[in-house]
PDB file of N, CA and C in Angstrom:
ATOM      1  N   GLN A   1      76.645 115.359  93.115  1.00  0.00           N
ATOM      2  CA  GLN A   1      76.043 116.739  93.331  1.00  0.00           C
ATOM      3  C   GLN A   1      76.974 117.936  92.844  1.00  0.00           C
ATOM      4  N   PHE A   2      76.487 118.449  92.020  1.00  0.00           N
ATOM      5  CA  PHE A   2      77.454 119.794  91.564  1.00  0.00           C
ATOM      6  C   PHE A   2      76.542 120.958  90.739  1.00  0.00           C
ATOM      7  N   SER A   3      76.680 122.207  90.928  1.00  0.00           N
ATOM      8  CA  SER A   3      75.953 123.165  90.399  1.00  0.00           C
ATOM      9  C   SER A   3      77.289 124.270  90.393  1.00  0.00           C
ATOM     10  N   CYS A   4      76.673 125.117  89.316  1.00  0.00           N
ATOM     11  CA  CYS A   4      77.466 126.215  88.904  1.00  0.00           C
ATOM     12  C   CYS A   4      76.340 127.378  88.555  1.00  0.00           C
ATOM     13  N   GLU A   5      76.449 128.475  89.303  1.00  0.00           N
ATOM     14  CA  GLU A   5      75.610 129.506  89.055  1.00  0.00           C
ATOM     15  C   GLU A   5      75.982 130.672  88.643  1.00  0.00           C
ATOM     16  N   ILE A   6      75.678 131.511  87.682  1.00  0.00           N
ATOM     17  CA  ILE A   6      76.336 132.591  87.310  1.00  0.00           C
ATOM     18  C   ILE A   6      75.482 134.068  87.370  1.00  0.00           C
ATOM     19  N   GLU A   7      75.716 134.958  87.699  1.00  0.00           N
ATOM     20  CA  GLU A   7      75.017 136.098  88.326  1.00  0.00           C
ATOM     21  C   GLU A   7      75.330 137.191  87.052  1.00  0.00           C
ATOM     22  N   TYR A   8      74.286 138.419  86.841  1.00  0.00           N
ATOM     23  CA  TYR A   8      74.561 139.187  85.854  1.00  0.00           C
ATOM     24  C   TYR A   8      75.910 140.303  86.094  1.00  0.00           C
ATOM     25  N   ASP A   9      76.257 140.330  87.291  1.00  0.00           N
ATOM     26  CA  ASP A   9      77.274 140.975  87.903  1.00  0.00           C
ATOM     27  C   ASP A   9      78.818 140.144  87.753  1.00  0.00           C
ATOM     28  N   GLY A  10      78.549 138.886  87.000  1.00  0.00           N
ATOM     29  CA  GLY A  10      80.034 138.399  86.826  1.00  0.00           C
ATOM     30  C   GLY A  10      80.318 137.444  87.878  1.00  0.00           C
ATOM     31  N   LYS A  11      79.425 137.191  88.958  1.00  0.00           N
ATOM     32  CA  LYS A  11      79.516 136.429  89.899  1.00  0.00           C
ATOM     33  C   LYS A  11      79.398 135.037  89.805  1.00  0.00           C
ATOM     34  N   VAL A  12      80.463 134.231  90.052  1.00  0.00           N
ATOM     35  CA  VAL A  12      80.409 132.548  89.616  1.00  0.00           C
ATOM     36  C   VAL A  12      80.300 131.994  90.986  1.00  0.00           C
ATOM     37  N   VAL A  13      79.681 130.925  91.227  1.00  0.00           N
ATOM     38  CA  VAL A  13      79.571 130.004  92.440  1.00  0.00           C
ATOM     39  C   VAL A  13      79.117 128.790  91.959  1.00  0.00           C
ATOM     40  N   ILE A  14      80.417 127.820  92.560  1.00  0.00           N
ATOM     41  CA  ILE A  14      80.199 126.804  92.335  1.00  0.00           C
ATOM     42  C   ILE A  14      80.199 125.717  93.446  1.00  0.00           C
ATOM     43  N   ARG A  15      79.107 124.939  93.585  1.00  0.00           N
ATOM     44  CA  ARG A  15      79.065 123.780  94.664  1.00  0.00           C
ATOM     45  C   ARG A  15      78.877 122.606  94.610  1.00  0.00           C
ATOM     46  N   GLY A  16      79.252 121.816  95.213  1.00  0.00           N
ATOM     47  CA  GLY A  16      79.372 120.553  95.089  1.00  0.00           C
ATOM     48  C   GLY A  16      79.737 119.498  96.243  1.00  0.00           C
ATOM     49  N   VAL A  17      80.030 118.265  96.161  1.00  0.00           N
ATOM     50  CA  VAL A  17      80.175 117.398  96.935  1.00  0.00           C
ATOM     51  C   VAL A  17      81.510 116.341  96.557  1.00  0.00           C
ATOM     52  N   THR A  18      82.464 116.589  97.210  1.00  0.00           N
ATOM     53  CA  THR A  18      83.738 115.651  96.722  1.00  0.00           C
ATOM     54  C   THR A  18      84.099 114.594  97.712  1.00  0.00           C
ATOM     55  N   SER A  19      84.568 113.591  96.958  1.00  0.00           N
ATOM     56  CA  SER A  19      84.910 112.331  97.440  1.00  0.00           C
ATOM     57  C   SER A  19      86.597 112.316  97.669  1.00  0.00           C
ATOM     58  N   THR A  20      86.942 113.382  97.088  1.00  0.00           N
ATOM     59  CA  THR A  20      88.386 113.283  97.232  1.00  0.00           C
ATOM     60  C   THR A  20      89.129 113.330  98.496  1.00  0.00           C
ATOM     61  N   GLY A  21      90.440 113.166  98.909  1.00  0.00           N
ATOM     62  CA  GLY A  21      90.570 113.022 100.025  1.00  0.00           C
ATOM     63  C   GLY A  21      90.812 111.724 100.971  1.00  0.00           C
ATOM     64  N   GLU A  22      90.040 110.837 100.453  1.00  0.00           N
ATOM     65  CA  GLU A  22      90.223 109.498 100.996  1.00  0.00           C
ATOM     66  C   GLU A  22      91.376 108.970 100.395  1.00  0.00           C
ATOM     67  N   SER A  23      91.715 107.920 101.446  1.00  0.00           N
ATOM     68  CA  SER A  23      92.987 107.219 100.977  1.00  0.00           C
ATOM     69  C   SER A  23      92.688 106.244 100.065  1.00  0.00           C
ATOM     70  N   THR A  24      91.226 105.608  99.990  1.00  0.00           N
ATOM     71  CA  THR A  24      90.974 104.251  99.108  1.00  0.00           C
ATOM     72  C   THR A  24      89.889 104.851  98.483  1.00  0.00           C
ATOM     73  N   VAL A  25      89.858 104.558  97.020  1.00  0.00           N
ATOM     74  CA  VAL A  25      88.732 104.997  96.306  1.00  0.00           C
ATOM     75  C   VAL A  25      88.328 103.684  95.538  1.00  0.00           C
ATOM     76  N   MET A  26      87.135 103.349  95.652  1.00  0.00           N
ATOM     77  CA  MET A  26      86.365 102.063  94.383  1.00  0.00           C
ATOM     78  C   MET A  26      85.847 102.827  93.300  1.00  0.00           C
ATOM     79  N   ARG A  27      86.219 102.306  92.229  1.00  0.00           N
ATOM     80  CA  ARG A  27      85.588 102.814  90.998  1.00  0.00           C
ATOM     81  C   ARG A  27      85.517 101.375  89.993  1.00  0.00           C
ATOM     82  N   ASN A  28      84.340 101.098  89.590  1.00  0.00           N
ATOM     83  CA  ASN A  28      84.155 100.047  88.787  1.00  0.00           C
ATOM     84  C   ASN A  28      84.586  98.718  89.028  1.00  0.00           C
ATOM     85  N   SER A  29      84.464  98.334  90.512  1.00  0.00           N
ATOM     86  CA  SER A  29      84.885  97.259  90.948  1.00  0.00           C
ATOM     87  C   SER A  29      86.718  97.405  91.272  1.00  0.00           C
ATOM     88  N   ARG A  30      87.277  98.297  90.872  1.00  0.00           N
ATOM     89  CA  ARG A  30      88.351  98.485  91.440  1.00  0.00           C
ATOM     90  C   ARG A  30      88.675  99.251  92.372  1.00  0.00           C
ATOM     91  N   VAL A  31      90.028  99.007  93.292  1.00  0.00           N
ATOM     92  CA  VAL A  31      90.577  99.790  94.245  1.00  0.00           C
ATOM     93  C   VAL A  31      91.513 100.514  93.967  1.00  0.00           C
ATOM     94  N   PHE A  32      91.755 101.685  94.466  1.00  0.00           N
ATOM     95  CA  PHE A  32      92.896 102.512  94.166  1.00  0.00           C
ATOM     96  C   PHE A  32      93.419 103.297  95.549  1.00  0.00           C
ATOM     97  N   HIS A  33      94.510 103.207  95.901  1.00  0.00           N
ATOM     98  CA  HIS A  33      95.078 103.456  96.812  1.00  0.00           C
ATOM     99  C   HIS A  33      95.602 105.015  96.570  1.00  0.00           C
ATOM    100  N   MET A  34      95.333 106.134  97.201  1.00  0.00           N
ATOM    101  CA  MET A  34      95.791 107.401  97.014  1.00  0.00           C
ATOM    102  C   MET A  34      96.764 107.701  97.272  1.00  0.00           C
ATOM    103  N   LYS A  35      97.976 108.657  96.697  1.00  0.00           N
ATOM    104  CA  LYS A  35      98.991 108.586  97.368  1.00  0.00           C
ATOM    105  C   LYS A  35      99.119 110.293  97.396  1.00  0.00           C
ATOM    106  N   THR A  36      98.252 110.882  96.842  1.00  0.00           N
ATOM    107  CA  THR A  36      98.135 112.216  97.186  1.00  0.00           C
ATOM    108  C   THR A  36      97.636 112.840  98.589  1.00  0.00           C
ATOM    109  N   GLN A  37      98.349 113.845  99.167  1.00  0.00           N
ATOM    110  CA  GLN A  37      98.285 114.044 100.632  1.00  0.00           C
ATOM    111  C   GLN A  37      97.687 115.725 100.854  1.00  0.00           C
ATOM    112  N   HIS A  38      97.635 116.344  99.587  1.00  0.00           N
ATOM    113  CA  HIS A  38      97.295 117.705  99.650  1.00  0.00           C
ATOM    114  C   HIS A  38      95.868 117.979  98.760  1.00  0.00           C
ATOM    115  N   LEU A  39      94.836 117.091  99.265  1.00  0.00           N
ATOM    116  CA  LEU A  39      93.837 117.239  98.717  1.00  0.00           C
ATOM    117  C   LEU A  39      92.748 117.891  99.948  1.00  0.00           C
ATOM    118  N   CYS A  40      91.420 118.086  99.555  1.00  0.00           N
ATOM    119  CA  CYS A  40      90.744 118.888 100.696  1.00  0.00           C
ATOM    120  C   CYS A  40      89.763 117.561 101.313  1.00  0.00           C
ATOM    121  N   PRO A  41      89.152 117.748 102.202  1.00  0.00           N
ATOM    122  CA  PRO A  41      88.623 116.534 103.054  1.00  0.00           C
ATOM    123  C   PRO A  41      87.508 116.028 102.113  1.00  0.00           C
ATOM    124  N   PRO A  42      86.828 114.820 102.171  1.00  0.00           N
ATOM    125  CA  PRO A  42      85.571 114.348 101.608  1.00  0.00           C
ATOM    126  C   PRO A  42      84.313 115.155 101.939  1.00  0.00           C
ATOM    127  N   GLY A  43      83.455 115.987 101.043  1.00  0.00           N
ATOM    128  CA  GLY A  43      82.369 116.327 101.730  1.00  0.00           C
ATOM    129  C   GLY A  43      81.882 117.533 101.046  1.00  0.00           C
ATOM    130  N   PRO A  44      81.089 118.561 101.409  1.00  0.00           N
ATOM    131  CA  PRO A  44      80.413 119.734 100.471  1.00  0.00           C
ATOM    132  C   PRO A  44      81.689 120.547 100.692  1.00  0.00           C
ATOM    133  N   PHE A  45      81.799 121.402  99.314  1.00  0.00           N
ATOM    134  CA  PHE A  45      82.340 122.420  99.081  1.00  0.00           C
ATOM    135  C   PHE A  45      81.839 123.321  98.274  1.00  0.00           C
ATOM    136  N   SER A  46      82.282 124.711  98.335  1.00  0.00           N
ATOM    137  CA  SER A  46      81.977 125.736  97.355  1.00  0.00           C
ATOM    138  C   SER A  46      82.716 126.755  97.079  1.00  0.00           C
ATOM    139  N   ILE A  47      82.855 127.386  95.817  1.00  0.00           N
ATOM    140  CA  ILE A  47      84.057 128.431  95.599  1.00  0.00           C
ATOM    141  C   ILE A  47      83.271 129.316  94.870  1.00  0.00           C
ATOM    142  N   SER A  48      83.757 130.577  95.015  1.00  0.00           N
ATOM    143  CA  SER A  48      83.157 132.018  94.114  1.00  0.00           C
ATOM    144  C   SER A  48      84.511 132.559  93.649  1.00  0.00           C
ATOM    145  N   PHE A  49      83.921 133.151  92.666  1.00  0.00           N
ATOM    146  CA  PHE A  49      84.886 134.280  91.994  1.00  0.00           C
ATOM    147  C   PHE A  49      84.125 135.283  91.221  1.00  0.00           C
ATOM    148  N   TYR A  50      84.592 136.272  90.798  1.00  0.00           N
ATOM    149  CA  TYR A  50      84.178 137.378  89.981  1.00  0.00           C
ATOM    150  C   TYR A  50      84.701 137.033  88.382  1.00  0.00           C
ATOM    151  N   LEU A  51      83.934 137.120  87.371  1.00  0.00           N
ATOM    152  CA  LEU A  51      84.686 137.493  85.870  1.00  0.00           C
ATOM    153  C   LEU A  51      84.712 138.985  85.742  1.00  0.00           C
ATOM    154  N   PRO A  52      85.738 139.555  84.822  1.00  0.00           N
ATOM    155  CA  PRO A  52      85.741 140.638  84.908  1.00  0.00           C
ATOM    156  C   PRO A  52      84.791 141.883  84.334  1.00  0.00           C
ATOM    157  N   GLY A  53      83.786 141.255  83.911  1.00  0.00           N
ATOM    158  CA  GLY A  53      82.574 142.262  83.599  1.00  0.00           C
ATOM    159  C   GLY A  53      81.161 141.619  83.849  1.00  0.00           C
ATOM    160  N   PRO A  54      80.239 142.340  83.514  1.00  0.00           N
ATOM    161  CA  PRO A  54      78.571 142.039  83.705  1.00  0.00           C
ATOM    162  C   PRO A  54      78.724 140.779  82.558  1.00  0.00           C
ATOM    163  N   VAL A  55      77.670 139.506  82.427  1.00  0.00           N
ATOM    164  CA  VAL A  55      77.567 138.909  81.649  1.00  0.00           C
ATOM    165  C   VAL A  55      76.105 138.507  81.625  1.00  0.00           C
ATOM    166  N   ASP A  56      75.778 137.709  80.678  1.00  0.00           N
ATOM    167  CA  ASP A  56      74.214 137.589  80.463  1.00  0.00           C
ATOM    168  C   ASP A  56      74.017 135.783  80.658  1.00  0.00           C
ATOM    169  N   PRO A  57      73.472 135.498  82.232  1.00  0.00           N
ATOM    170  CA  PRO A  57      73.433 134.014  82.574  1.00  0.00           C
ATOM    171  C   PRO A  57      72.639 133.353  81.635  1.00  0.00           C
ATOM    172  N   ARG A  58      71.796 133.944  81.237  1.00  0.00           N
ATOM    173  CA  ARG A  58      70.680 133.175  80.301  1.00  0.00           C
ATOM    174  C   ARG A  58      71.522 132.705  79.176  1.00  0.00           C
ATOM    175  N   LEU A  59      72.764 133.089  78.584  1.00  0.00           N
ATOM    176  CA  LEU A  59      73.646 132.739  77.639  1.00  0.00           C
ATOM    177  C   LEU A  59      75.008 131.869  78.408  1.00  0.00           C
ATOM    178  N   PHE A  60      74.616 131.080  79.200  1.00  0.00           N
ATOM    179  CA  PHE A  60      75.341 130.031  80.012  1.00  0.00           C
ATOM    180  C   PHE A  60      75.612 128.468  79.328  1.00  0.00           C
ATOM    181  N   SER A  61      76.335 128.015  79.069  1.00  0.00           N
ATOM    182  CA  SER A  61      76.389 126.690  78.965  1.00  0.00           C
ATOM    183  C   SER A  61      77.549 126.270  79.367  1.00  0.00           C
ATOM    184  N   GLY A  62      77.442 124.924  80.209  1.00  0.00           N
ATOM    185  CA  GLY A  62      78.332 124.133  80.882  1.00  0.00           C
ATOM    186  C   GLY A  62      78.464 122.566  80.903  1.00  0.00           C
ATOM    187  N   ASN A  63      79.863 122.157  80.829  1.00  0.00           N
ATOM    188  CA  ASN A  63      79.751 120.731  81.019  1.00  0.00           C
ATOM    189  C   ASN A  63      80.914 120.630  81.955  1.00  0.00           C
ATOM    190  N   PHE A  64      80.183 119.435  82.758  1.00  0.00           N
ATOM    191  CA  PHE A  64      81.167 118.734  83.710  1.00  0.00           C
ATOM    192  C   PHE A  64      81.756 117.782  83.121  1.00  0.00           C
ATOM    193  N   GLY A  65      82.729 117.453  82.862  1.00  0.00           N
ATOM    194  CA  GLY A  65      83.207 115.998  82.151  1.00  0.00           C
ATOM    195  C   GLY A  65      83.497 114.748  83.207  1.00  0.00           C
ATOM    196  N   SER A  66      83.640 114.026  82.509  1.00  0.00           N
ATOM    197  CA  SER A  66      84.239 112.669  83.424  1.00  0.00           C
ATOM    198  C   SER A  66      85.505 112.775  84.189  1.00  0.00           C
ATOM    199  N   ASP A  67      86.240 113.448  83.498  1.00  0.00           N
ATOM    200  CA  ASP A  67      87.515 113.758  83.776  1.00  0.00           C
ATOM    201  C   ASP A  67      87.765 114.844  85.136  1.00  0.00           C
ATOM    202  N   GLY A  68      86.624 115.123  85.312  1.00  0.00           N
ATOM    203  CA  GLY A  68      86.383 116.059  86.724  1.00  0.00           C
ATOM    204  C   GLY A  68      86.810 117.721  86.204  1.00  0.00           C
ATOM    205  N   ILE A  69      86.860 118.134  84.815  1.00  0.00           N
ATOM    206  CA  ILE A  69      86.996 119.327  84.424  1.00  0.00           C
ATOM    207  C   ILE A  69      85.790 120.318  83.984  1.00  0.00           C
ATOM    208  N   LEU A  70      85.728 121.004  84.796  1.00  0.00           N
ATOM    209  CA  LEU A  70      84.437 122.104  84.465  1.00  0.00           C
ATOM    210  C   LEU A  70      84.776 123.004  83.134  1.00  0.00           C
ATOM    211  N   GLU A  71      84.018 122.855  82.153  1.00  0.00           N
ATOM    212  CA  GLU A  71      83.985 123.708  81.054  1.00  0.00           C
ATOM    213  C   GLU A  71      82.700 124.654  80.586  1.00  0.00           C
ATOM    214  N   ALA A  72      82.954 125.814  80.811  1.00  0.00           N
ATOM    215  CA  ALA A  72      81.921 126.699  80.934  1.00  0.00           C
ATOM    216  C   ALA A  72      82.124 127.959  79.939  1.00  0.00           C
ATOM    217  N   ILE A  73      80.911 128.427  79.239  1.00  0.00           N
ATOM    218  CA  ILE A  73      80.976 129.458  78.469  1.00  0.00           C
ATOM    219  C   ILE A  73      79.729 130.705  78.772  1.00  0.00           C
ATOM    220  N   VAL A  74      80.141 131.830  78.913  1.00  0.00           N
ATOM    221  CA  VAL A  74      79.051 132.507  78.739  1.00  0.00           C
ATOM    222  C   VAL A  74      79.342 133.966  78.356  1.00  0.00           C
ATOM    223  N   LYS A  75      78.238 134.458  77.925  1.00  0.00           N
ATOM    224  CA  LYS A  75      78.539 135.409  76.985  1.00  0.00           C
ATOM    225  C   LYS A  75      78.677 137.085  77.831  1.00  0.00           C
ATOM    226  N   LYS A  76      79.106 137.826  77.253  1.00  0.00           N
ATOM    227  CA  LYS A  76      79.439 139.016  77.898  1.00  0.00           C
ATOM    228  C   LYS A  76      78.231 139.840  77.581  1.00  0.00           C
ATOM    229  N   TYR A  77      77.490 140.667  78.700  1.00  0.00           N
ATOM    230  CA  TYR A  77      76.313 141.142  78.820  1.00  0.00           C
ATOM    231  C   TYR A  77      76.432 142.685  77.907  1.00  0.00           C
ATOM    232  N   ARG A  78      75.511 142.953  77.002  1.00  0.00           N
ATOM    233  CA  ARG A  78      75.349 143.987  75.680  1.00  0.00           C
ATOM    234  C   ARG A  78      73.862 144.549  76.473  1.00  0.00           C
ATOM    235  N   GLU A  79      74.206 145.953  76.134  1.00  0.00           N
ATOM    236  CA  GLU A  79      72.868 146.535  76.386  1.00  0.00           C
ATOM    237  C   GLU A  79      71.928 146.371  74.823  1.00  0.00           C
ATOM    238  N   PRO A  80      70.585 145.915  74.926  1.00  0.00           N
ATOM    239  CA  PRO A  80      70.230 146.048  73.823  1.00  0.00           C
ATOM    240  C   PRO A  80      70.314 147.381  72.861  1.00  0.00           C
ATOM    241  N   THR A  81      70.320 147.176  71.314  1.00  0.00           N
ATOM    242  CA  THR A  81      70.810 148.406  70.824  1.00  0.00           C
ATOM    243  C   THR A  81      69.699 149.273  71.042  1.00  0.00           C
ATOM    244  N   GLY A  82      70.098 150.707  71.048  1.00  0.00           N
ATOM    245  CA  GLY A  82      68.942 151.702  70.818  1.00  0.00           C
ATOM    246  C   GLY A  82      68.709 152.309  72.467  1.00  0.00           C
ATOM    247  N   THR A  83      69.347 151.693  73.501  1.00  0.00           N
ATOM    248  CA  THR A  83      69.286 152.091  74.690  1.00  0.00           C
ATOM    249  C   THR A  83      70.480 152.710  75.245  1.00  0.00           C
ATOM    250  N   SER A  84      70.622 153.652  76.147  1.00  0.00           N
ATOM    251  CA  SER A  84      71.577 154.134  76.931  1.00  0.00           C
ATOM    252  C   SER A  84      71.959 153.667  78.040  1.00  0.00           C
ATOM    253  N   GLY A  85      71.252 152.692  78.633  1.00  0.00           N
ATOM    254  CA  GLY A  85      71.434 152.391  80.041  1.00  0.00           C
ATOM    255  C   GLY A  85      70.949 153.290  81.199  1.00  0.00           C
ATOM    256  N   LYS A  86      70.596 154.360  80.695  1.00  0.00           N
ATOM    257  CA  LYS A  86      70.168 155.222  81.377  1.00  0.00           C
ATOM    258  C   LYS A  86      68.160 154.924  81.629  1.00  0.00           C
ATOM    259  N   VAL A  87      67.834 155.386  82.911  1.00  0.00           N
ATOM    260  CA  VAL A  87      66.082 155.159  82.982  1.00  0.00           C
ATOM    261  C   VAL A  87      65.772 156.547  83.289  1.00  0.00           C
ATOM    262  N   ARG A  88      64.836 157.046  82.319  1.00  0.00           N
ATOM    263  CA  ARG A  88      64.310 158.493  82.319  1.00  0.00           C
ATOM    264  C   ARG A  88      62.994 158.477  82.887  1.00  0.00           C
ATOM    265  N   LEU A  89      62.731 159.201  83.971  1.00  0.00           N
ATOM    266  CA  LEU A  89      61.478 159.467  84.581  1.00  0.00           C
ATOM    267  C   LEU A  89      60.617 160.378  84.255  1.00  0.00           C
TER     268      LEU A  89
END
């Protein structure tokens, strides 16, 4: 389980479930005994942060690789040409 949400104001929220933190991991009929001690406990997690400016979440593309690395691209928000960003009443 893994999700990545991006909002117009540049807020990024990543949620998921990790199995790290266990002392023994089984993958493809192999057993690995972990030596690392500074991992978060297994279970659900979330992390959020802000990008430096507004973005267009419709133009988001992401890939969560088998190596555990999230690669994401989102384009900077640009106002449509011919608008000033002001609302006239």
